[in-house]
PDB file of N, CA and C in Angstrom:
ATOM      1  N   MET A   1       0.844  -1.170   0.000  1.00  0.00           N
ATOM      2  CA  MET A   1       0.000   0.000   0.000  1.00  0.00           C
ATOM      3  C   MET A   1       0.893   1.238   0.000  1.00  0.00           C
ATOM      4  N   PRO A   2       0.609   2.192  -0.835  1.00  0.00           N
ATOM      5  CA  PRO A   2       1.446   3.393  -0.918  1.00  0.00           C
ATOM      6  C   PRO A   2       1.263   4.288   0.301  1.00  0.00           C
ATOM      7  N   PRO A   3       2.131   5.291   0.449  1.00  0.00           N
ATOM      8  CA  PRO A   3       1.996   6.211   1.573  1.00  0.00           C
ATOM      9  C   PRO A   3       0.669   6.955   1.511  1.00  0.00           C
ATOM     10  N   VAL A   4       0.188   7.303   2.695  1.00  0.00           N
ATOM     11  CA  VAL A   4      -1.034   8.107   2.816  1.00  0.00           C
ATOM     12  C   VAL A   4      -0.638   9.395   3.526  1.00  0.00           C
ATOM     13  N   ILE A   5      -1.000  10.526   2.937  1.00  0.00           N
ATOM     14  CA  ILE A   5      -0.648  11.827   3.494  1.00  0.00           C
ATOM     15  C   ILE A   5      -1.874  12.438   4.154  1.00  0.00           C
ATOM     16  N   ASP A   6      -1.759  12.756   5.435  1.00  0.00           N
ATOM     17  CA  ASP A   6      -2.830  13.420   6.173  1.00  0.00           C
ATOM     18  C   ASP A   6      -2.673  14.917   5.948  1.00  0.00           C
ATOM     19  N   MET A   7      -3.507  15.475   5.101  1.00  0.00           N
ATOM     20  CA  MET A   7      -3.375  16.886   4.746  1.00  0.00           C
ATOM     21  C   MET A   7      -3.770  17.811   5.894  1.00  0.00           C
ATOM     22  N   ASN A   8      -4.390  17.276   6.944  1.00  0.00           N
ATOM     23  CA  ASN A   8      -4.680  18.088   8.129  1.00  0.00           C
ATOM     24  C   ASN A   8      -3.409  18.335   8.938  1.00  0.00           C
ATOM     25  N   LYS A   9      -2.417  17.466   8.792  1.00  0.00           N
ATOM     26  CA  LYS A   9      -1.130  17.618   9.491  1.00  0.00           C
ATOM     27  C   LYS A   9      -0.043  18.198   8.594  1.00  0.00           C
ATOM     28  N   CYS A  10      -0.147  17.974   7.291  1.00  0.00           N
ATOM     29  CA  CYS A  10       0.894  18.370   6.336  1.00  0.00           C
ATOM     30  C   CYS A  10       1.040  19.887   6.259  1.00  0.00           C
ATOM     31  N   THR A  11       2.295  20.340   6.271  1.00  0.00           N
ATOM     32  CA  THR A  11       2.589  21.771   6.135  1.00  0.00           C
ATOM     33  C   THR A  11       3.077  22.124   4.729  1.00  0.00           C
ATOM     34  N   VAL A  12       3.041  21.166   3.820  1.00  0.00           N
ATOM     35  CA  VAL A  12       3.443  21.346   2.422  1.00  0.00           C
ATOM     36  C   VAL A  12       4.907  21.812   2.324  1.00  0.00           C
ATOM     37  N   CYS A  13       5.761  21.239   3.173  1.00  0.00           N
ATOM     38  CA  CYS A  13       7.177  21.612   3.162  1.00  0.00           C
ATOM     39  C   CYS A  13       7.924  20.996   1.982  1.00  0.00           C
ATOM     40  N   GLY A  14       7.450  19.844   1.479  1.00  0.00           N
ATOM     41  CA  GLY A  14       8.067  19.217   0.323  1.00  0.00           C
ATOM     42  C   GLY A  14       9.190  18.253   0.619  1.00  0.00           C
ATOM     43  N   VAL A  15       9.508  18.026   1.891  1.00  0.00           N
ATOM     44  CA  VAL A  15      10.597  17.113   2.241  1.00  0.00           C
ATOM     45  C   VAL A  15      10.297  15.709   1.713  1.00  0.00           C
ATOM     46  N   CYS A  16       9.061  15.250   1.851  1.00  0.00           N
ATOM     47  CA  CYS A  16       8.709  13.901   1.393  1.00  0.00           C
ATOM     48  C   CYS A  16       8.918  13.748  -0.111  1.00  0.00           C
ATOM     49  N   VAL A  17       8.595  14.773  -0.850  1.00  0.00           N
ATOM     50  CA  VAL A  17       8.769  14.750  -2.305  1.00  0.00           C
ATOM     51  C   VAL A  17      10.251  14.707  -2.650  1.00  0.00           C
ATOM     52  N   ASP A  18      11.038  15.510  -1.952  1.00  0.00           N
ATOM     53  CA  ASP A  18      12.482  15.568  -2.216  1.00  0.00           C
ATOM     54  C   ASP A  18      13.196  14.272  -1.836  1.00  0.00           C
ATOM     55  N   ILE A  19      12.758  13.617  -0.768  1.00  0.00           N
ATOM     56  CA  ILE A  19      13.470  12.458  -0.240  1.00  0.00           C
ATOM     57  C   ILE A  19      13.078  11.145  -0.911  1.00  0.00           C
ATOM     58  N   CYS A  20      11.928  11.086  -1.556  1.00  0.00           N
ATOM     59  CA  CYS A  20      11.425   9.833  -2.121  1.00  0.00           C
ATOM     60  C   CYS A  20      12.344   9.329  -3.243  1.00  0.00           C
ATOM     61  N   PRO A  21      12.990   8.158  -3.050  1.00  0.00           N
ATOM     62  CA  PRO A  21      13.913   7.659  -4.065  1.00  0.00           C
ATOM     63  C   PRO A  21      13.220   7.122  -5.317  1.00  0.00           C
ATOM     64  N   GLY A  22      11.951   6.817  -5.218  1.00  0.00           N
ATOM     65  CA  GLY A  22      11.234   6.271  -6.360  1.00  0.00           C
ATOM     66  C   GLY A  22      10.381   7.276  -7.097  1.00  0.00           C
ATOM     67  N   ASP A  23      10.467   8.540  -6.719  1.00  0.00           N
ATOM     68  CA  ASP A  23       9.654   9.603  -7.316  1.00  0.00           C
ATOM     69  C   ASP A  23       8.165   9.258  -7.290  1.00  0.00           C
ATOM     70  N   VAL A  24       7.741   8.626  -6.205  1.00  0.00           N
ATOM     71  CA  VAL A  24       6.337   8.267  -6.024  1.00  0.00           C
ATOM     72  C   VAL A  24       5.516   9.512  -5.711  1.00  0.00           C
ATOM     73  N   LEU A  25       6.107  10.404  -4.930  1.00  0.00           N
ATOM     74  CA  LEU A  25       5.430  11.633  -4.528  1.00  0.00           C
ATOM     75  C   LEU A  25       5.844  12.791  -5.424  1.00  0.00           C
ATOM     76  N   VAL A  26       4.889  13.612  -5.781  1.00  0.00           N
ATOM     77  CA  VAL A  26       5.171  14.821  -6.557  1.00  0.00           C
ATOM     78  C   VAL A  26       4.476  15.994  -5.883  1.00  0.00           C
ATOM     79  N   MET A  27       5.014  17.179  -6.105  1.00  0.00           N
ATOM     80  CA  MET A  27       4.433  18.386  -5.530  1.00  0.00           C
ATOM     81  C   MET A  27       3.572  19.063  -6.572  1.00  0.00           C
ATOM     82  N   GLU A  28       2.317  19.168  -6.277  1.00  0.00           N
ATOM     83  CA  GLU A  28       1.405  19.974  -7.083  1.00  0.00           C
ATOM     84  C   GLU A  28       1.118  21.194  -6.209  1.00  0.00           C
ATOM     85  N   ASP A  29      -0.096  21.426  -5.810  1.00  0.00           N
ATOM     86  CA  ASP A  29      -0.345  22.457  -4.799  1.00  0.00           C
ATOM     87  C   ASP A  29      -0.014  21.915  -3.416  1.00  0.00           C
ATOM     88  N   GLU A  30       0.057  20.592  -3.330  1.00  0.00           N
ATOM     89  CA  GLU A  30       0.406  19.871  -2.118  1.00  0.00           C
ATOM     90  C   GLU A  30       1.034  18.548  -2.547  1.00  0.00           C
ATOM     91  N   PRO A  31       1.678  17.836  -1.628  1.00  0.00           N
ATOM     92  CA  PRO A  31       2.258  16.545  -2.016  1.00  0.00           C
ATOM     93  C   PRO A  31       1.161  15.563  -2.437  1.00  0.00           C
ATOM     94  N   VAL A  32       1.434  14.851  -3.522  1.00  0.00           N
ATOM     95  CA  VAL A  32       0.468  13.909  -4.072  1.00  0.00           C
ATOM     96  C   VAL A  32       1.185  12.584  -4.344  1.00  0.00           C
ATOM     97  N   VAL A  33       0.519  11.475  -4.022  1.00  0.00           N
ATOM     98  CA  VAL A  33       1.041  10.149  -4.350  1.00  0.00           C
ATOM     99  C   VAL A  33       0.686   9.902  -5.808  1.00  0.00           C
ATOM    100  N   ALA A  34       1.616  10.237  -6.702  1.00  0.00           N
ATOM    101  CA  ALA A  34       1.355  10.203  -8.140  1.00  0.00           C
ATOM    102  C   ALA A  34       1.546   8.823  -8.754  1.00  0.00           C
ATOM    103  N   ARG A  35       2.497   8.051  -8.211  1.00  0.00           N
ATOM    104  CA  ARG A  35       2.798   6.724  -8.769  1.00  0.00           C
ATOM    105  C   ARG A  35       2.814   5.675  -7.655  1.00  0.00           C
ATOM    106  N   PRO A  36       1.640   5.355  -7.109  1.00  0.00           N
ATOM    107  CA  PRO A  36       1.599   4.433  -5.975  1.00  0.00           C
ATOM    108  C   PRO A  36       2.167   3.051  -6.279  1.00  0.00           C
ATOM    109  N   GLU A  37       2.050   2.613  -7.520  1.00  0.00           N
ATOM    110  CA  GLU A  37       2.557   1.282  -7.877  1.00  0.00           C
ATOM    111  C   GLU A  37       4.080   1.222  -7.871  1.00  0.00           C
ATOM    112  N   GLU A  38       4.750   2.375  -7.854  1.00  0.00           N
ATOM    113  CA  GLU A  38       6.213   2.435  -7.838  1.00  0.00           C
ATOM    114  C   GLU A  38       6.793   2.485  -6.427  1.00  0.00           C
ATOM    115  N   CYS A  39       5.935   2.553  -5.414  1.00  0.00           N
ATOM    116  CA  CYS A  39       6.406   2.687  -4.030  1.00  0.00           C
ATOM    117  C   CYS A  39       7.164   1.441  -3.598  1.00  0.00           C
ATOM    118  N   TRP A  40       8.361   1.635  -3.029  1.00  0.00           N
ATOM    119  CA  TRP A  40       9.213   0.551  -2.556  1.00  0.00           C
ATOM    120  C   TRP A  40       8.955   0.253  -1.089  1.00  0.00           C
ATOM    121  N   HIS A  41       8.135   1.061  -0.442  1.00  0.00           N
ATOM    122  CA  HIS A  41       7.858   0.950   0.988  1.00  0.00           C
ATOM    123  C   HIS A  41       9.143   1.100   1.807  1.00  0.00           C
ATOM    124  N   CYS A  42      10.015   1.973   1.358  1.00  0.00           N
ATOM    125  CA  CYS A  42      11.286   2.174   2.051  1.00  0.00           C
ATOM    126  C   CYS A  42      11.115   2.970   3.342  1.00  0.00           C
ATOM    127  N   GLY A  43      10.066   3.785   3.424  1.00  0.00           N
ATOM    128  CA  GLY A  43       9.795   4.556   4.628  1.00  0.00           C
ATOM    129  C   GLY A  43      10.507   5.882   4.714  1.00  0.00           C
ATOM    130  N   ALA A  44      11.230   6.284   3.686  1.00  0.00           N
ATOM    131  CA  ALA A  44      11.968   7.545   3.739  1.00  0.00           C
ATOM    132  C   ALA A  44      11.023   8.730   3.967  1.00  0.00           C
ATOM    133  N   CYS A  45       9.912   8.759   3.270  1.00  0.00           N
ATOM    134  CA  CYS A  45       8.963   9.869   3.428  1.00  0.00           C
ATOM    135  C   CYS A  45       8.390   9.889   4.837  1.00  0.00           C
ATOM    136  N   TYR A  46       8.057   8.726   5.348  1.00  0.00           N
ATOM    137  CA  TYR A  46       7.507   8.584   6.697  1.00  0.00           C
ATOM    138  C   TYR A  46       8.517   9.033   7.753  1.00  0.00           C
ATOM    139  N   LEU A  47       9.749   8.580   7.620  1.00  0.00           N
ATOM    140  CA  LEU A  47      10.787   8.888   8.601  1.00  0.00           C
ATOM    141  C   LEU A  47      11.180  10.362   8.610  1.00  0.00           C
ATOM    142  N   ASP A  48      11.164  11.020   7.457  1.00  0.00           N
ATOM    143  CA  ASP A  48      11.623  12.408   7.374  1.00  0.00           C
ATOM    144  C   ASP A  48      10.518  13.434   7.540  1.00  0.00           C
ATOM    145  N   CYS A  49       9.270  13.011   7.663  1.00  0.00           N
ATOM    146  CA  CYS A  49       8.166  13.962   7.832  1.00  0.00           C
ATOM    147  C   CYS A  49       8.145  14.476   9.267  1.00  0.00           C
ATOM    148  N   GLN A  50       8.483  15.743   9.458  1.00  0.00           N
ATOM    149  CA  GLN A  50       8.533  16.350  10.785  1.00  0.00           C
ATOM    150  C   GLN A  50       7.149  16.471  11.427  1.00  0.00           C
ATOM    151  N   GLU A  51       6.122  16.513  10.604  1.00  0.00           N
ATOM    152  CA  GLU A  51       4.758  16.686  11.105  1.00  0.00           C
ATOM    153  C   GLU A  51       4.044  15.358  11.366  1.00  0.00           C
ATOM    154  N   GLU A  52       4.710  14.238  11.073  1.00  0.00           N
ATOM    155  CA  GLU A  52       4.115  12.905  11.210  1.00  0.00           C
ATOM    156  C   GLU A  52       2.794  12.812  10.440  1.00  0.00           C
ATOM    157  N   ALA A  53       2.813  13.368   9.226  1.00  0.00           N
ATOM    158  CA  ALA A  53       1.618  13.413   8.383  1.00  0.00           C
ATOM    159  C   ALA A  53       1.524  12.243   7.414  1.00  0.00           C
ATOM    160  N   ILE A  54       2.530  11.362   7.424  1.00  0.00           N
ATOM    161  CA  ILE A  54       2.557  10.260   6.461  1.00  0.00           C
ATOM    162  C   ILE A  54       2.492   8.927   7.199  1.00  0.00           C
ATOM    163  N   THR A  55       1.653   8.057   6.700  1.00  0.00           N
ATOM    164  CA  THR A  55       1.598   6.697   7.218  1.00  0.00           C
ATOM    165  C   THR A  55       1.839   5.730   6.060  1.00  0.00           C
ATOM    166  N   ILE A  56       2.445   4.604   6.388  1.00  0.00           N
ATOM    167  CA  ILE A  56       2.700   3.564   5.398  1.00  0.00           C
ATOM    168  C   ILE A  56       2.251   2.243   6.010  1.00  0.00           C
ATOM    169  N   HIS A  57       1.457   1.513   5.274  1.00  0.00           N
ATOM    170  CA  HIS A  57       1.025   0.183   5.687  1.00  0.00           C
ATOM    171  C   HIS A  57       1.724  -0.806   4.767  1.00  0.00           C
ATOM    172  N   LEU A  58       2.637  -1.566   5.337  1.00  0.00           N
ATOM    173  CA  LEU A  58       3.397  -2.526   4.535  1.00  0.00           C
ATOM    174  C   LEU A  58       2.510  -3.678   4.088  1.00  0.00           C
ATOM    175  N   PRO A  59       2.725  -4.170   2.873  1.00  0.00           N
ATOM    176  CA  PRO A  59       2.012  -5.362   2.427  1.00  0.00           C
ATOM    177  C   PRO A  59       2.366  -6.536   3.334  1.00  0.00           C
ATOM    178  N   LEU A  60       1.433  -7.433   3.526  1.00  0.00           N
ATOM    179  CA  LEU A  60       1.643  -8.575   4.401  1.00  0.00           C
ATOM    180  C   LEU A  60       2.873  -9.380   3.995  1.00  0.00           C
ATOM    181  N   SER A  61       3.082  -9.539   2.712  1.00  0.00           N
ATOM    182  CA  SER A  61       4.241 -10.316   2.253  1.00  0.00           C
ATOM    183  C   SER A  61       5.560  -9.692   2.712  1.00  0.00           C
ATOM    184  N   MET A  62       5.626  -8.373   2.773  1.00  0.00           N
ATOM    185  CA  MET A  62       6.846  -7.710   3.249  1.00  0.00           C
ATOM    186  C   MET A  62       6.995  -7.872   4.756  1.00  0.00           C
ATOM    187  N   MET A  63       5.889  -7.812   5.472  1.00  0.00           N
ATOM    188  CA  MET A  63       5.939  -7.965   6.920  1.00  0.00           C
ATOM    189  C   MET A  63       6.397  -9.374   7.295  1.00  0.00           C
ATOM    190  N   LEU A  64       5.916 -10.362   6.579  1.00  0.00           N
ATOM    191  CA  LEU A  64       6.309 -11.739   6.876  1.00  0.00           C
ATOM    192  C   LEU A  64       7.758 -12.000   6.501  1.00  0.00           C
ATOM    193  N   ALA A  65       8.226 -11.404   5.432  1.00  0.00           N
ATOM    194  CA  ALA A  65       9.597 -11.621   4.961  1.00  0.00           C
ATOM    195  C   ALA A  65      10.616 -10.983   5.887  1.00  0.00           C
ATOM    196  N   THR A  66      10.234  -9.945   6.623  1.00  0.00           N
ATOM    197  CA  THR A  66      11.199  -9.234   7.454  1.00  0.00           C
ATOM    198  C   THR A  66      11.041  -9.541   8.933  1.00  0.00           C
ATOM    199  N   SER A  67      10.028 -10.281   9.306  1.00  0.00           N
ATOM    200  CA  SER A  67       9.842 -10.573  10.723  1.00  0.00           C
ATOM    201  C   SER A  67      10.744 -11.736  11.141  1.00  0.00           C
ATOM    202  N   GLU A  68      11.137 -11.714  12.407  1.00  0.00           N
ATOM    203  CA  GLU A  68      11.987 -12.784  12.916  1.00  0.00           C
ATOM    204  C   GLU A  68      11.113 -13.971  13.300  1.00  0.00           C
ATOM    205  N   PRO A  69      11.679 -15.160  13.195  1.00  0.00           N
ATOM    206  CA  PRO A  69      10.904 -16.337  13.564  1.00  0.00           C
ATOM    207  C   PRO A  69      10.534 -16.334  15.046  1.00  0.00           C
ATOM    208  N   VAL A  70       9.387 -16.879  15.357  1.00  0.00           N
ATOM    209  CA  VAL A  70       8.947 -16.991  16.745  1.00  0.00           C
ATOM    210  C   VAL A  70       9.711 -18.118  17.412  1.00  0.00           C
ATOM    211  N   LYS A  71      10.231 -17.876  18.606  1.00  0.00           N
ATOM    212  CA  LYS A  71      11.017 -18.883  19.333  1.00  0.00           C
ATOM    213  C   LYS A  71      10.167 -19.559  20.373  1.00  0.00           C
TER     214      LYS A  71
END
């Protein structure tokens, strides 16, 4: 699932657009998820958003691939 931007929190600073390595986000009048299918789920936009306006829900397959085995 691509990033979701909460426009009630977003200050339109553009950091998420600048930091996105896949050019998923573009700046129009505000940040827009223009190419959701290109999202790598790297979390760069989420981590660098000072306003905590971005959420990312990882696909289940990614969560299972990166989780440690239960002991």
